[in-house]
């Protein structure tokens, strides 16, 4: 499921969900399928996952959620979808800035 969502494979994602795939499963680092799709900017996959019950509020071990993943990498349409509304430019910028500060702090601590 993670591979299908990360690569934007809509039909494969829908098929796997129809066969009972867990839309809230995570990888070894605690990143959810929704985070992968958000990071890659796959709007339609994010919609499919949300409609199938993916938890948009789930946070990985570093305290990041799918919204932060999408915002950190400039995926505005996905960010808007995950936030439930069109965010103001200032709010998006502040979230983007915070995400990068967290990333830099973790990177300088030797974490990946």
Protein backbone atom coordinates (compact mmCIF):
# COMPACT_ATOMS: atom_id res chain seq x y z
CA UNK A 1 0.00 0.00 0.00
CA UNK A 2 2.83 2.37 0.89
CA UNK A 3 4.51 1.79 -2.48
CA UNK A 4 1.30 2.38 -4.43
CA UNK A 5 0.48 5.60 -2.56
CA UNK A 6 4.03 6.95 -2.67
CA UNK A 7 4.19 6.44 -6.43
CA UNK A 8 0.75 7.90 -7.10
CA UNK A 9 -0.77 4.67 -8.39
CA UNK A 10 -4.48 5.45 -7.99
CA UNK A 11 -5.94 2.21 -9.32
CA UNK A 12 -3.53 0.07 -7.31
CA UNK A 13 -4.27 2.09 -4.17
CA UNK A 14 -8.02 1.73 -4.64
CA UNK A 15 -7.67 -1.99 -5.30
CA UNK A 16 -5.53 -2.56 -2.21
CA UNK A 17 -7.99 -0.61 -0.06
CA UNK A 18 -10.87 -2.66 -1.48
CA UNK A 19 -8.95 -5.79 -0.44
CA UNK A 20 -8.62 -4.53 3.14
CA UNK A 21 -5.23 -2.82 3.16
CA UNK A 22 -4.59 -0.80 6.34
CA UNK A 23 -4.53 2.86 5.28
CA UNK A 24 -2.96 3.80 8.62
CA UNK A 25 0.05 1.48 8.46
CA UNK A 26 3.53 2.97 8.82
CA UNK A 27 7.06 2.30 7.65
CA UNK A 28 10.04 1.47 9.91
CA UNK A 29 10.51 5.15 10.74
CA UNK A 30 6.89 5.65 11.77
CA UNK A 31 5.84 7.56 8.66
CA UNK A 32 2.30 6.84 7.51
CA UNK A 33 1.06 6.10 4.02
CA UNK A 34 -0.69 9.47 4.06
CA UNK A 35 2.62 11.19 4.87
CA UNK A 36 4.25 9.54 1.86
CA UNK A 37 1.49 10.65 -0.48
CA UNK A 38 1.53 14.16 1.01
CA UNK A 39 5.31 14.41 0.67
CA UNK A 40 5.07 13.45 -3.01
CA UNK A 41 2.15 15.82 -3.64
CA UNK A 42 -0.30 13.16 -4.85
CA UNK A 43 -3.58 15.02 -4.31
CA UNK A 44 -5.83 12.25 -5.60
CA UNK A 45 -4.08 9.60 -3.47
CA UNK A 46 -4.47 11.82 -0.39
CA UNK A 47 -8.20 12.13 -1.16
CA UNK A 48 -8.51 8.36 -1.59
CA UNK A 49 -6.70 7.70 1.70
CA UNK A 50 -8.75 10.26 3.63
CA UNK A 51 -11.99 8.83 2.24
CA UNK A 52 -10.82 5.37 3.32
CA UNK A 53 -10.24 6.57 6.89
CA UNK A 54 -6.57 7.54 7.00
CA UNK A 55 -5.73 9.51 10.15
CA UNK A 56 -4.56 12.96 9.06
CA UNK A 57 -3.67 13.84 12.67
CA UNK A 58 -1.24 10.95 13.17
CA UNK A 59 2.28 12.09 14.12
CA UNK A 60 5.48 10.15 13.51
CA UNK A 61 8.22 9.66 16.11
CA UNK A 62 9.56 13.15 15.32
CA UNK A 63 6.17 14.78 15.94
CA UNK A 64 5.46 15.47 12.26
CA UNK A 65 2.11 14.94 10.57
CA UNK A 66 1.05 14.68 6.92
CA UNK A 67 0.25 18.40 6.75
CA UNK A 68 3.80 19.27 7.77
CA UNK A 69 5.20 16.87 5.16
CA UNK A 70 3.12 18.47 2.41
CA UNK A 71 3.85 22.00 3.55
CA UNK A 72 7.58 21.46 4.01
CA UNK A 73 7.89 20.46 0.37
CA UNK A 74 5.57 23.11 -1.07
CA UNK A 75 2.64 20.82 -1.86
CA UNK A 76 0.07 23.61 -1.47
CA UNK A 77 -2.91 21.73 -2.88
CA UNK A 78 -2.29 18.79 -0.56
CA UNK A 79 -1.72 21.16 2.38
CA UNK A 80 -5.05 22.83 1.69
CA UNK A 81 -6.77 19.45 1.50
CA UNK A 82 -5.24 18.26 4.77
CA UNK A 83 -5.94 21.50 6.63
CA UNK A 84 -9.58 21.40 5.55
CA UNK A 85 -9.51 24.95 4.27
CA UNK A 86 -7.43 27.33 2.27
CA UNK A 87 -4.75 28.55 4.64
CA UNK A 88 -3.50 32.08 4.63
CA UNK A 89 -0.09 32.63 3.10
CA UNK A 90 1.29 33.67 6.49
CA UNK A 91 0.04 30.48 8.17
CA UNK A 92 1.50 28.31 5.40
CA UNK A 93 4.81 30.17 5.60
CA UNK A 94 5.01 29.82 9.38
CA UNK A 95 4.25 26.10 9.21
CA UNK A 96 6.81 25.70 6.41
CA UNK A 97 9.42 27.60 8.45
CA UNK A 98 8.70 25.57 11.60
CA UNK A 99 8.96 22.31 9.65
CA UNK A 100 12.36 23.25 8.26
CA UNK A 101 13.63 24.42 11.66
CA UNK A 102 12.63 21.03 13.13
CA UNK A 103 14.32 19.26 10.23
CA UNK A 104 17.55 21.26 10.67
CA UNK A 105 17.60 20.66 14.42
CA UNK A 106 17.13 16.92 13.93
CA UNK A 107 19.74 16.85 11.16
CA UNK A 108 22.35 18.61 13.32
CA UNK A 109 21.68 16.11 16.11
CA UNK A 110 22.64 13.34 13.69
CA UNK A 111 19.08 12.07 13.20
CA UNK A 112 17.72 11.30 9.76
